[in-house]
Amino acid sequence: MSDAADGQHHTPQGTALLPSDLTDEQLASGPVLASIDALLIEELSEDEDEAFAAALDS
């Protein structure tokens, strides 16, 4: 193998590009949404609010 080919950086391909699964420890230390009310956005119009609520229900 030539020096040029040997010096190429190996980049991940295929499924190696996907994020890894969280460990139980990482999952347990993640943030928890206490209530769906935390997602409320006060500046939304009534139509936007209804569309947002419908999206959450789906």
PDB file of N, CA and C in Angstrom:
ATOM      1  N   MET A   1       0.859  -1.170   0.000  1.00  0.00           N
ATOM      2  CA  MET A   1       0.000   0.000   0.000  1.00  0.00           C
ATOM      3  C   MET A   1       0.906   1.234   0.000  1.00  0.00           C
ATOM      4  N   SER A   2       0.559   2.229  -0.793  1.00  0.00           N
ATOM      5  CA  SER A   2       1.371   3.436  -0.862  1.00  0.00           C
ATOM      6  C   SER A   2       1.187   4.272   0.393  1.00  0.00           C
ATOM      7  N   ASP A   3       2.128   5.176   0.621  1.00  0.00           N
ATOM      8  CA  ASP A   3       2.026   6.082   1.773  1.00  0.00           C
ATOM      9  C   ASP A   3       0.793   6.968   1.675  1.00  0.00           C
ATOM     10  N   ALA A   4       0.423   7.372   0.461  1.00  0.00           N
ATOM     11  CA  ALA A   4      -0.744   8.244   0.273  1.00  0.00           C
ATOM     12  C   ALA A   4      -2.019   7.522   0.691  1.00  0.00           C
ATOM     13  N   ALA A   5      -2.145   6.270   0.296  1.00  0.00           N
ATOM     14  CA  ALA A   5      -3.342   5.509   0.651  1.00  0.00           C
ATOM     15  C   ALA A   5      -3.353   5.184   2.138  1.00  0.00           C
ATOM     16  N   ASP A   6      -2.187   4.924   2.692  1.00  0.00           N
ATOM     17  CA  ASP A   6      -2.094   4.584   4.106  1.00  0.00           C
ATOM     18  C   ASP A   6      -2.404   5.790   4.993  1.00  0.00           C
ATOM     19  N   GLY A   7      -2.125   6.988   4.522  1.00  0.00           N
ATOM     20  CA  GLY A   7      -2.314   8.191   5.320  1.00  0.00           C
ATOM     21  C   GLY A   7      -3.726   8.748   5.302  1.00  0.00           C
ATOM     22  N   GLN A   8      -4.612   8.151   4.514  1.00  0.00           N
ATOM     23  CA  GLN A   8      -5.982   8.664   4.443  1.00  0.00           C
ATOM     24  C   GLN A   8      -6.693   8.434   5.760  1.00  0.00           C
ATOM     25  N   HIS A   9      -7.485   9.416   6.131  1.00  0.00           N
ATOM     26  CA  HIS A   9      -8.268   9.280   7.359  1.00  0.00           C
ATOM     27  C   HIS A   9      -9.468   8.379   7.093  1.00  0.00           C
ATOM     28  N   HIS A  10      -9.759   7.543   8.038  1.00  0.00           N
ATOM     29  CA  HIS A  10     -10.910   6.659   7.917  1.00  0.00           C
ATOM     30  C   HIS A  10     -12.114   7.346   8.539  1.00  0.00           C
ATOM     31  N   THR A  11     -13.128   7.556   7.737  1.00  0.00           N
ATOM     32  CA  THR A  11     -14.349   8.190   8.238  1.00  0.00           C
ATOM     33  C   THR A  11     -15.427   7.135   8.398  1.00  0.00           C
ATOM     34  N   PRO A  12     -16.288   7.314   9.398  1.00  0.00           N
ATOM     35  CA  PRO A  12     -17.360   6.333   9.592  1.00  0.00           C
ATOM     36  C   PRO A  12     -18.300   6.299   8.393  1.00  0.00           C
ATOM     37  N   GLN A  13     -18.837   5.136   8.125  1.00  0.00           N
ATOM     38  CA  GLN A  13     -19.782   4.963   7.029  1.00  0.00           C
ATOM     39  C   GLN A  13     -20.955   4.126   7.505  1.00  0.00           C
ATOM     40  N   GLY A  14     -22.058   4.214   6.800  1.00  0.00           N
ATOM     41  CA  GLY A  14     -23.223   3.382   7.095  1.00  0.00           C
ATOM     42  C   GLY A  14     -23.793   3.634   8.474  1.00  0.00           C
ATOM     43  N   THR A  15     -24.056   2.549   9.197  1.00  0.00           N
ATOM     44  CA  THR A  15     -24.695   2.683  10.512  1.00  0.00           C
ATOM     45  C   THR A  15     -23.776   3.314  11.548  1.00  0.00           C
ATOM     46  N   ALA A  16     -22.487   3.393  11.283  1.00  0.00           N
ATOM     47  CA  ALA A  16     -21.561   4.045  12.212  1.00  0.00           C
ATOM     48  C   ALA A  16     -21.864   5.537  12.328  1.00  0.00           C
ATOM     49  N   LEU A  17     -22.594   6.085  11.360  1.00  0.00           N
ATOM     50  CA  LEU A  17     -22.955   7.501  11.396  1.00  0.00           C
ATOM     51  C   LEU A  17     -24.141   7.765  12.320  1.00  0.00           C
ATOM     52  N   LEU A  18     -24.871   6.710  12.698  1.00  0.00           N
ATOM     53  CA  LEU A  18     -26.039   6.877  13.553  1.00  0.00           C
ATOM     54  C   LEU A  18     -25.602   7.080  14.998  1.00  0.00           C
ATOM     55  N   PRO A  19     -26.390   7.848  15.762  1.00  0.00           N
ATOM     56  CA  PRO A  19     -26.034   8.016  17.178  1.00  0.00           C
ATOM     57  C   PRO A  19     -26.192   6.688  17.914  1.00  0.00           C
ATOM     58  N   SER A  20     -25.388   6.514  18.936  1.00  0.00           N
ATOM     59  CA  SER A  20     -25.490   5.271  19.703  1.00  0.00           C
ATOM     60  C   SER A  20     -26.675   5.335  20.654  1.00  0.00           C
ATOM     61  N   ASP A  21     -27.143   4.176  21.083  1.00  0.00           N
ATOM     62  CA  ASP A  21     -28.225   4.120  22.061  1.00  0.00           C
ATOM     63  C   ASP A  21     -27.722   4.663  23.392  1.00  0.00           C
ATOM     64  N   LEU A  22     -28.627   5.282  24.146  1.00  0.00           N
ATOM     65  CA  LEU A  22     -28.263   5.771  25.468  1.00  0.00           C
ATOM     66  C   LEU A  22     -28.125   4.597  26.430  1.00  0.00           C
ATOM     67  N   THR A  23     -27.166   4.718  27.335  1.00  0.00           N
ATOM     68  CA  THR A  23     -27.054   3.713  28.384  1.00  0.00           C
ATOM     69  C   THR A  23     -28.150   3.982  29.409  1.00  0.00           C
ATOM     70  N   ASP A  24     -28.410   3.019  30.286  1.00  0.00           N
ATOM     71  CA  ASP A  24     -29.411   3.218  31.337  1.00  0.00           C
ATOM     72  C   ASP A  24     -29.049   4.419  32.203  1.00  0.00           C
ATOM     73  N   GLU A  25     -27.754   4.588  32.458  1.00  0.00           N
ATOM     74  CA  GLU A  25     -27.283   5.705  33.278  1.00  0.00           C
ATOM     75  C   GLU A  25     -27.539   7.050  32.586  1.00  0.00           C
ATOM     76  N   GLN A  26     -27.244   7.135  31.281  1.00  0.00           N
ATOM     77  CA  GLN A  26     -27.488   8.364  30.531  1.00  0.00           C
ATOM     78  C   GLN A  26     -28.975   8.678  30.467  1.00  0.00           C
ATOM     79  N   LEU A  27     -29.789   7.661  30.260  1.00  0.00           N
ATOM     80  CA  LEU A  27     -31.227   7.850  30.176  1.00  0.00           C
ATOM     81  C   LEU A  27     -31.793   8.342  31.504  1.00  0.00           C
ATOM     82  N   ALA A  28     -31.325   7.777  32.604  1.00  0.00           N
ATOM     83  CA  ALA A  28     -31.807   8.173  33.930  1.00  0.00           C
ATOM     84  C   ALA A  28     -31.386   9.591  34.290  1.00  0.00           C
ATOM     85  N   SER A  29     -30.254  10.058  33.757  1.00  0.00           N
ATOM     86  CA  SER A  29     -29.771  11.393  34.108  1.00  0.00           C
ATOM     87  C   SER A  29     -30.330  12.484  33.196  1.00  0.00           C
ATOM     88  N   GLY A  30     -31.108  12.100  32.201  1.00  0.00           N
ATOM     89  CA  GLY A  30     -31.667  13.075  31.268  1.00  0.00           C
ATOM     90  C   GLY A  30     -32.791  13.887  31.881  1.00  0.00           C
ATOM     91  N   PRO A  31     -33.099  15.023  31.260  1.00  0.00           N
ATOM     92  CA  PRO A  31     -34.190  15.863  31.778  1.00  0.00           C
ATOM     93  C   PRO A  31     -35.544  15.179  31.596  1.00  0.00           C
ATOM     94  N   VAL A  32     -36.454  15.486  32.482  1.00  0.00           N
ATOM     95  CA  VAL A  32     -37.801  14.917  32.441  1.00  0.00           C
ATOM     96  C   VAL A  32     -38.797  16.055  32.331  1.00  0.00           C
ATOM     97  N   LEU A  33     -39.713  15.948  31.398  1.00  0.00           N
ATOM     98  CA  LEU A  33     -40.769  16.944  31.239  1.00  0.00           C
ATOM     99  C   LEU A  33     -41.849  16.640  32.269  1.00  0.00           C
ATOM    100  N   ALA A  34     -41.958  17.512  33.274  1.00  0.00           N
ATOM    101  CA  ALA A  34     -42.898  17.279  34.379  1.00  0.00           C
ATOM    102  C   ALA A  34     -44.343  17.391  33.918  1.00  0.00           C
ATOM    103  N   SER A  35     -44.589  18.263  32.963  1.00  0.00           N
ATOM    104  CA  SER A  35     -45.954  18.480  32.507  1.00  0.00           C
ATOM    105  C   SER A  35     -45.927  18.959  31.068  1.00  0.00           C
ATOM    106  N   ILE A  36     -46.951  18.596  30.328  1.00  0.00           N
ATOM    107  CA  ILE A  36     -47.065  19.077  28.949  1.00  0.00           C
ATOM    108  C   ILE A  36     -47.276  20.593  28.928  1.00  0.00           C
ATOM    109  N   ASP A  37     -47.723  21.142  30.049  1.00  0.00           N
ATOM    110  CA  ASP A  37     -47.902  22.592  30.142  1.00  0.00           C
ATOM    111  C   ASP A  37     -46.578  23.337  29.986  1.00  0.00           C
ATOM    112  N   ALA A  38     -45.471  22.659  30.223  1.00  0.00           N
ATOM    113  CA  ALA A  38     -44.159  23.282  30.050  1.00  0.00           C
ATOM    114  C   ALA A  38     -43.895  23.616  28.583  1.00  0.00           C
ATOM    115  N   LEU A  39     -44.668  23.018  27.687  1.00  0.00           N
ATOM    116  CA  LEU A  39     -44.505  23.283  26.261  1.00  0.00           C
ATOM    117  C   LEU A  39     -45.345  24.459  25.771  1.00  0.00           C
ATOM    118  N   LEU A  40     -46.132  25.043  26.659  1.00  0.00           N
ATOM    119  CA  LEU A  40     -46.987  26.158  26.250  1.00  0.00           C
ATOM    120  C   LEU A  40     -46.146  27.336  25.772  1.00  0.00           C
ATOM    121  N   ILE A  41     -46.575  27.923  24.679  1.00  0.00           N
ATOM    122  CA  ILE A  41     -45.907  29.097  24.125  1.00  0.00           C
ATOM    123  C   ILE A  41     -46.925  30.226  24.145  1.00  0.00           C
ATOM    124  N   GLU A  42     -46.714  31.190  25.017  1.00  0.00           N
ATOM    125  CA  GLU A  42     -47.719  32.222  25.253  1.00  0.00           C
ATOM    126  C   GLU A  42     -47.940  33.155  24.070  1.00  0.00           C
ATOM    127  N   GLU A  43     -46.961  33.282  23.174  1.00  0.00           N
ATOM    128  CA  GLU A  43     -47.083  34.229  22.066  1.00  0.00           C
ATOM    129  C   GLU A  43     -47.849  33.675  20.869  1.00  0.00           C
ATOM    130  N   LEU A  44     -48.336  32.441  20.940  1.00  0.00           N
ATOM    131  CA  LEU A  44     -49.039  31.852  19.804  1.00  0.00           C
ATOM    132  C   LEU A  44     -50.435  32.444  19.649  1.00  0.00           C
ATOM    133  N   SER A  45     -50.854  32.568  18.393  1.00  0.00           N
ATOM    134  CA  SER A  45     -52.237  32.968  18.134  1.00  0.00           C
ATOM    135  C   SER A  45     -53.135  31.788  18.495  1.00  0.00           C
ATOM    136  N   GLU A  46     -54.425  32.005  18.533  1.00  0.00           N
ATOM    137  CA  GLU A  46     -55.354  30.926  18.877  1.00  0.00           C
ATOM    138  C   GLU A  46     -55.272  29.788  17.855  1.00  0.00           C
ATOM    139  N   ASP A  47     -55.174  30.155  16.556  1.00  0.00           N
ATOM    140  CA  ASP A  47     -55.065  29.132  15.509  1.00  0.00           C
ATOM    141  C   ASP A  47     -53.772  28.326  15.661  1.00  0.00           C
ATOM    142  N   GLU A  48     -52.662  29.030  15.932  1.00  0.00           N
ATOM    143  CA  GLU A  48     -51.387  28.346  16.113  1.00  0.00           C
ATOM    144  C   GLU A  48     -51.428  27.431  17.337  1.00  0.00           C
ATOM    145  N   ASP A  49     -52.064  27.915  18.409  1.00  0.00           N
ATOM    146  CA  ASP A  49     -52.176  27.125  19.633  1.00  0.00           C
ATOM    147  C   ASP A  49     -52.981  25.850  19.388  1.00  0.00           C
ATOM    148  N   GLU A  50     -54.081  25.973  18.651  1.00  0.00           N
ATOM    149  CA  GLU A  50     -54.906  24.802  18.344  1.00  0.00           C
ATOM    150  C   GLU A  50     -54.148  23.806  17.470  1.00  0.00           C
ATOM    151  N   ALA A  51     -53.386  24.320  16.504  1.00  0.00           N
ATOM    152  CA  ALA A  51     -52.606  23.441  15.629  1.00  0.00           C
ATOM    153  C   ALA A  51     -51.513  22.729  16.425  1.00  0.00           C
ATOM    154  N   PHE A  52     -50.899  23.448  17.352  1.00  0.00           N
ATOM    155  CA  PHE A  52     -49.860  22.864  18.191  1.00  0.00           C
ATOM    156  C   PHE A  52     -50.448  21.767  19.084  1.00  0.00           C
ATOM    157  N   ALA A  53     -51.598  22.049  19.683  1.00  0.00           N
ATOM    158  CA  ALA A  53     -52.264  21.065  20.544  1.00  0.00           C
ATOM    159  C   ALA A  53     -52.667  19.833  19.738  1.00  0.00           C
ATOM    160  N   ALA A  54     -53.136  20.041  18.519  1.00  0.00           N
ATOM    161  CA  ALA A  54     -53.522  18.915  17.665  1.00  0.00           C
ATOM    162  C   ALA A  54     -52.301  18.061  17.317  1.00  0.00           C
ATOM    163  N   ALA A  55     -51.172  18.713  17.084  1.00  0.00           N
ATOM    164  CA  ALA A  55     -49.948  17.969  16.770  1.00  0.00           C
ATOM    165  C   ALA A  55     -49.494  17.139  17.967  1.00  0.00           C
ATOM    166  N   LEU A  56     -49.646  17.680  19.166  1.00  0.00           N
ATOM    167  CA  LEU A  56     -49.261  16.933  20.365  1.00  0.00           C
ATOM    168  C   LEU A  56     -50.170  15.741  20.599  1.00  0.00           C
ATOM    169  N   ASP A  57     -51.438  15.883  20.237  1.00  0.00           N
ATOM    170  CA  ASP A  57     -52.404  14.802  20.435  1.00  0.00           C
ATOM    171  C   ASP A  57     -52.230  13.666  19.428  1.00  0.00           C
ATOM    172  N   SER A  58     -51.585  13.963  18.295  1.00  0.00           N
ATOM    173  CA  SER A  58     -51.463  12.936  17.245  1.00  0.00           C
ATOM    174  C   SER A  58     -50.338  11.965  17.520  1.00  0.00           C
TER     175      SER A  58
END
